[in-house]
Amino acid sequence: MIAPNRESFAAFSDSLRADGKRVVFTNGVFDILHVGHLRYLEAARALGDALLIGVNADDSVRRLKGPTRPINPELERAELLAALRCVDGVCVFGEDTPVELIRAVRPDVHAKGGDYASPDVLPETPLVRALGGEVVILQLVRDRSTTRTIRRMNRDGQAPT
């Protein structure tokens, strides 16, 4: 399911919770999907009954990653994520942090990748905790990142191995 806006995403989250489901939320750019993304999303999904993903809009990605990103447009990134078995819903958001989307979704668990040493460094952690949720840091697959893939392709002129 790809939500057309924050309100419908929040309504979907509410319906999941009404059905007794534990809602897990994560967010990111997800520009060029790779096995690291898949394993991370599967681990996030294992923390609950439904996995919802906030995907940074193209303008947000440019602000965060620079003028050459994203490689793939926001609706294509959302469509690819929504097609994964472990994903229950996706919503594109335009802010640089997922705070407003988290406020709408009110997840039971907010999962983040292991490139963060502690939940306390995340700007969204106080809100998640205030809403009664928990923040879980998941380990990422070593040597797998979109940025690393793009750098290697630019350096070598060929796809990474």
C-alpha atoms as a PDB file:
ATOM      1  CA  MET A   1       0.000   0.000   0.000  1.00  0.00           C
ATOM      2  CA  ILE A   2       1.327   3.415  -0.965  1.00  0.00           C
ATOM      3  CA  ALA A   3      -0.408   6.156   0.977  1.00  0.00           C
ATOM      4  CA  PRO A   4      -1.148   9.306  -1.011  1.00  0.00           C
ATOM      5  CA  ASN A   5      -0.680  11.519   2.059  1.00  0.00           C
ATOM      6  CA  ARG A   6       0.147  11.575   5.756  1.00  0.00           C
ATOM      7  CA  GLU A   7      -3.509  11.484   6.824  1.00  0.00           C
ATOM      8  CA  SER A   8      -4.302   8.283   4.958  1.00  0.00           C
ATOM      9  CA  PHE A   9      -1.049   6.734   6.237  1.00  0.00           C
ATOM     10  CA  ALA A  10      -2.096   7.593   9.797  1.00  0.00           C
ATOM     11  CA  ALA A  11      -5.558   6.089   9.190  1.00  0.00           C
ATOM     12  CA  PHE A  12      -3.915   2.898   7.879  1.00  0.00           C
ATOM     13  CA  SER A  13      -1.711   2.737  10.979  1.00  0.00           C
ATOM     14  CA  ASP A  14      -4.772   3.255  13.193  1.00  0.00           C
ATOM     15  CA  SER A  15      -6.577   0.388  11.452  1.00  0.00           C
ATOM     16  CA  LEU A  16      -3.598  -1.922  11.975  1.00  0.00           C
ATOM     17  CA  ARG A  17      -3.477  -1.060  15.659  1.00  0.00           C
ATOM     18  CA  ALA A  18      -7.276  -1.521  15.948  1.00  0.00           C
ATOM     19  CA  ASP A  19      -6.713  -5.049  14.641  1.00  0.00           C
ATOM     20  CA  GLY A  20      -4.253  -5.645  17.500  1.00  0.00           C
ATOM     21  CA  LYS A  21      -1.124  -5.337  15.378  1.00  0.00           C
ATOM     22  CA  ARG A  22       2.207  -4.012  16.650  1.00  0.00           C
ATOM     23  CA  VAL A  23       3.241  -1.268  14.194  1.00  0.00           C
ATOM     24  CA  VAL A  24       6.902  -0.833  13.259  1.00  0.00           C
ATOM     25  CA  PHE A  25       8.026   2.296  11.422  1.00  0.00           C
ATOM     26  CA  THR A  26      11.272   3.092   9.673  1.00  0.00           C
ATOM     27  CA  ASN A  27      12.333   5.720   7.209  1.00  0.00           C
ATOM     28  CA  GLY A  28      15.018   6.552   4.705  1.00  0.00           C
ATOM     29  CA  VAL A  29      15.948   7.421   1.151  1.00  0.00           C
ATOM     30  CA  PHE A  30      16.099   3.850  -0.242  1.00  0.00           C
ATOM     31  CA  ASP A  31      17.527   5.188  -3.496  1.00  0.00           C
ATOM     32  CA  ILE A  32      19.042   2.089  -5.082  1.00  0.00           C
ATOM     33  CA  LEU A  33      17.656  -0.988  -3.357  1.00  0.00           C
ATOM     34  CA  HIS A  34      20.255  -3.581  -2.416  1.00  0.00           C
ATOM     35  CA  VAL A  35      20.494  -6.632  -0.182  1.00  0.00           C
ATOM     36  CA  GLY A  36      21.416  -4.452   2.784  1.00  0.00           C
ATOM     37  CA  HIS A  37      18.072  -2.674   2.500  1.00  0.00           C
ATOM     38  CA  LEU A  38      16.201  -5.975   2.191  1.00  0.00           C
ATOM     39  CA  ARG A  39      17.848  -7.554   5.230  1.00  0.00           C
ATOM     40  CA  TYR A  40      17.353  -4.383   7.268  1.00  0.00           C
ATOM     41  CA  LEU A  41      13.660  -4.182   6.356  1.00  0.00           C
ATOM     42  CA  GLU A  42      13.116  -7.866   7.131  1.00  0.00           C
ATOM     43  CA  ALA A  43      14.744  -7.378  10.551  1.00  0.00           C
ATOM     44  CA  ALA A  44      12.584  -4.304  11.182  1.00  0.00           C
ATOM     45  CA  ARG A  45       9.432  -6.225  10.221  1.00  0.00           C
ATOM     46  CA  ALA A  46      10.383  -8.983  12.677  1.00  0.00           C
ATOM     47  CA  LEU A  47      10.015  -6.442  15.509  1.00  0.00           C
ATOM     48  CA  GLY A  48       6.240  -6.332  15.045  1.00  0.00           C
ATOM     49  CA  ASP A  49       3.234  -7.300  12.968  1.00  0.00           C
ATOM     50  CA  ALA A  50       3.291  -4.573  10.308  1.00  0.00           C
ATOM     51  CA  LEU A  51       6.085  -2.505   8.779  1.00  0.00           C
ATOM     52  CA  LEU A  52       5.414   1.041   7.619  1.00  0.00           C
ATOM     53  CA  ILE A  53       8.079   3.044   5.781  1.00  0.00           C
ATOM     54  CA  GLY A  54       8.520   6.770   5.343  1.00  0.00           C
ATOM     55  CA  VAL A  55      10.453   7.574   2.162  1.00  0.00           C
ATOM     56  CA  ASN A  56      12.203  10.915   1.770  1.00  0.00           C
ATOM     57  CA  ALA A  57      10.785  12.983  -1.097  1.00  0.00           C
ATOM     58  CA  ASP A  58      13.141  13.982  -3.904  1.00  0.00           C
ATOM     59  CA  ASP A  59      13.611  17.559  -2.613  1.00  0.00           C
ATOM     60  CA  SER A  60      14.407  16.244   0.852  1.00  0.00           C
ATOM     61  CA  VAL A  61      16.962  13.808  -0.592  1.00  0.00           C
ATOM     62  CA  ARG A  62      18.700  16.645  -2.464  1.00  0.00           C
ATOM     63  CA  ARG A  63      18.936  18.651   0.757  1.00  0.00           C
ATOM     64  CA  LEU A  64      20.313  15.670   2.681  1.00  0.00           C
ATOM     65  CA  LYS A  65      22.502  13.952   0.063  1.00  0.00           C
ATOM     66  CA  GLY A  66      23.361  16.674  -2.467  1.00  0.00           C
ATOM     67  CA  PRO A  67      22.267  17.811  -5.923  1.00  0.00           C
ATOM     68  CA  THR A  68      23.053  14.530  -7.731  1.00  0.00           C
ATOM     69  CA  ARG A  69      20.616  12.510  -5.625  1.00  0.00           C
ATOM     70  CA  PRO A  70      18.257  10.801  -5.718  1.00  0.00           C
ATOM     71  CA  ILE A  71      19.045   8.476  -8.582  1.00  0.00           C
ATOM     72  CA  ASN A  72      15.476   7.143  -8.673  1.00  0.00           C
ATOM     73  CA  PRO A  73      12.372   9.335  -8.245  1.00  0.00           C
ATOM     74  CA  GLU A  74      10.329   9.153  -5.043  1.00  0.00           C
ATOM     75  CA  LEU A  75       7.286   7.354  -6.458  1.00  0.00           C
ATOM     76  CA  GLU A  76       9.440   4.623  -8.023  1.00  0.00           C
ATOM     77  CA  ARG A  77      11.333   4.168  -4.744  1.00  0.00           C
ATOM     78  CA  ALA A  78       7.998   3.923  -2.907  1.00  0.00           C
ATOM     79  CA  GLU A  79       6.623   1.422  -5.429  1.00  0.00           C
ATOM     80  CA  LEU A  80       9.657  -0.852  -5.126  1.00  0.00           C
ATOM     81  CA  LEU A  81       9.466  -0.819  -1.325  1.00  0.00           C
ATOM     82  CA  ALA A  82       5.712  -1.479  -1.323  1.00  0.00           C
ATOM     83  CA  ALA A  83       6.308  -4.542  -3.510  1.00  0.00           C
ATOM     84  CA  LEU A  84       8.485  -6.209  -0.861  1.00  0.00           C
ATOM     85  CA  ARG A  85       6.785  -8.970   1.146  1.00  0.00           C
ATOM     86  CA  CYS A  86       7.978  -7.553   4.463  1.00  0.00           C
ATOM     87  CA  VAL A  87       6.485  -4.090   3.829  1.00  0.00           C
ATOM     88  CA  ASP A  88       2.869  -3.254   4.648  1.00  0.00           C
ATOM     89  CA  GLY A  89       2.749   0.421   3.746  1.00  0.00           C
ATOM     90  CA  VAL A  90       4.807   3.305   2.366  1.00  0.00           C
ATOM     91  CA  CYS A  91       4.382   7.072   2.449  1.00  0.00           C
ATOM     92  CA  VAL A  92       6.580   9.766   0.895  1.00  0.00           C
ATOM     93  CA  PHE A  93       7.373  12.711   3.180  1.00  0.00           C
ATOM     94  CA  GLY A  94       8.983  16.043   2.340  1.00  0.00           C
ATOM     95  CA  GLU A  95      10.619  17.056   5.605  1.00  0.00           C
ATOM     96  CA  ASP A  96      14.269  16.320   6.397  1.00  0.00           C
ATOM     97  CA  THR A  97      13.311  14.252   9.459  1.00  0.00           C
ATOM     98  CA  PRO A  98      10.388  11.856   9.893  1.00  0.00           C
ATOM     99  CA  VAL A  99       9.108  13.589  13.040  1.00  0.00           C
ATOM    100  CA  GLU A 100       5.772  14.735  11.572  1.00  0.00           C
ATOM    101  CA  LEU A 101       5.127  11.353   9.957  1.00  0.00           C
ATOM    102  CA  ILE A 102       5.937   9.623  13.254  1.00  0.00           C
ATOM    103  CA  ARG A 103       3.545  11.976  15.053  1.00  0.00           C
ATOM    104  CA  ALA A 104       0.817  10.877  12.599  1.00  0.00           C
ATOM    105  CA  VAL A 105       1.597   7.130  12.599  1.00  0.00           C
ATOM    106  CA  ARG A 106       2.399   6.749  16.331  1.00  0.00           C
ATOM    107  CA  PRO A 107       4.438   3.544  15.875  1.00  0.00           C
ATOM    108  CA  ASP A 108       4.987   1.022  18.619  1.00  0.00           C
ATOM    109  CA  VAL A 109       8.565   0.638  17.370  1.00  0.00           C
ATOM    110  CA  HIS A 110      10.762   3.016  15.386  1.00  0.00           C
ATOM    111  CA  ALA A 111      13.600   1.071  13.754  1.00  0.00           C
ATOM    112  CA  LYS A 112      16.791   2.730  12.524  1.00  0.00           C
ATOM    113  CA  GLY A 113      19.907   1.379  10.893  1.00  0.00           C
ATOM    114  CA  GLY A 114      23.056   0.599  12.841  1.00  0.00           C
ATOM    115  CA  ASP A 115      24.971   3.600  11.551  1.00  0.00           C
ATOM    116  CA  TYR A 116      23.634   5.303  14.695  1.00  0.00           C
ATOM    117  CA  ALA A 117      25.475   4.526  17.920  1.00  0.00           C
ATOM    118  CA  SER A 118      22.495   5.200  20.168  1.00  0.00           C
ATOM    119  CA  PRO A 119      18.812   6.098  19.885  1.00  0.00           C
ATOM    120  CA  ASP A 120      19.611   9.245  21.868  1.00  0.00           C
ATOM    121  CA  VAL A 121      21.297  10.888  18.843  1.00  0.00           C
ATOM    122  CA  LEU A 122      18.141  10.680  16.716  1.00  0.00           C
ATOM    123  CA  PRO A 123      15.962  13.816  16.610  1.00  0.00           C
ATOM    124  CA  GLU A 124      12.822  11.675  16.581  1.00  0.00           C
ATOM    125  CA  THR A 125      13.605   9.609  19.705  1.00  0.00           C
ATOM    126  CA  PRO A 126      11.976  11.983  22.240  1.00  0.00           C
ATOM    127  CA  LEU A 127       8.750  12.005  20.225  1.00  0.00           C
ATOM    128  CA  VAL A 128       8.663   8.210  19.786  1.00  0.00           C
ATOM    129  CA  ARG A 129       9.166   7.735  23.522  1.00  0.00           C
ATOM    130  CA  ALA A 130       6.579  10.413  24.383  1.00  0.00           C
ATOM    131  CA  LEU A 131       4.082   8.501  22.223  1.00  0.00           C
ATOM    132  CA  GLY A 132       4.818   5.314  24.200  1.00  0.00           C
ATOM    133  CA  GLY A 133       6.983   3.678  21.548  1.00  0.00           C
ATOM    134  CA  GLU A 134      10.502   2.359  21.578  1.00  0.00           C
ATOM    135  CA  VAL A 135      13.463   3.059  19.296  1.00  0.00           C
ATOM    136  CA  VAL A 136      15.484   0.055  18.131  1.00  0.00           C
ATOM    137  CA  ILE A 137      18.841   0.292  16.342  1.00  0.00           C
ATOM    138  CA  LEU A 138      19.367  -2.588  13.897  1.00  0.00           C
ATOM    139  CA  GLN A 139      22.721  -3.646  12.524  1.00  0.00           C
ATOM    140  CA  LEU A 140      23.259  -3.018   8.832  1.00  0.00           C
ATOM    141  CA  VAL A 141      24.878  -5.364   6.327  1.00  0.00           C
ATOM    142  CA  ARG A 142      28.547  -4.445   6.227  1.00  0.00           C
ATOM    143  CA  ASP A 143      29.861  -2.797   3.053  1.00  0.00           C
ATOM    144  CA  ARG A 144      26.402  -2.281   1.550  1.00  0.00           C
ATOM    145  CA  SER A 145      25.156   1.253   0.987  1.00  0.00           C
ATOM    146  CA  THR A 146      23.750   3.232  -1.908  1.00  0.00           C
ATOM    147  CA  THR A 147      26.392   5.935  -1.472  1.00  0.00           C
ATOM    148  CA  ARG A 148      29.191   3.345  -1.599  1.00  0.00           C
ATOM    149  CA  THR A 149      27.632   1.738  -4.699  1.00  0.00           C
ATOM    150  CA  ILE A 150      27.404   5.085  -6.506  1.00  0.00           C
ATOM    151  CA  ARG A 151      30.989   6.027  -5.589  1.00  0.00           C
ATOM    152  CA  ARG A 152      32.276   2.718  -6.848  1.00  0.00           C
ATOM    153  CA  MET A 153      30.316   2.985 -10.099  1.00  0.00           C
ATOM    154  CA  ASN A 154      31.642   6.508 -10.659  1.00  0.00           C
ATOM    155  CA  ARG A 155      35.212   5.476  -9.848  1.00  0.00           C
ATOM    156  CA  ASP A 156      35.299   2.235 -11.818  1.00  0.00           C
ATOM    157  CA  GLY A 157      32.820   3.039 -14.554  1.00  0.00           C
ATOM    158  CA  GLN A 158      31.190  -0.315 -13.924  1.00  0.00           C
ATOM    159  CA  ALA A 159      28.675  -1.930 -11.655  1.00  0.00           C
ATOM    160  CA  PRO A 160      29.972  -3.050  -8.262  1.00  0.00           C
ATOM    161  CA  THR A 161      30.626  -6.696  -7.541  1.00  0.00           C
END
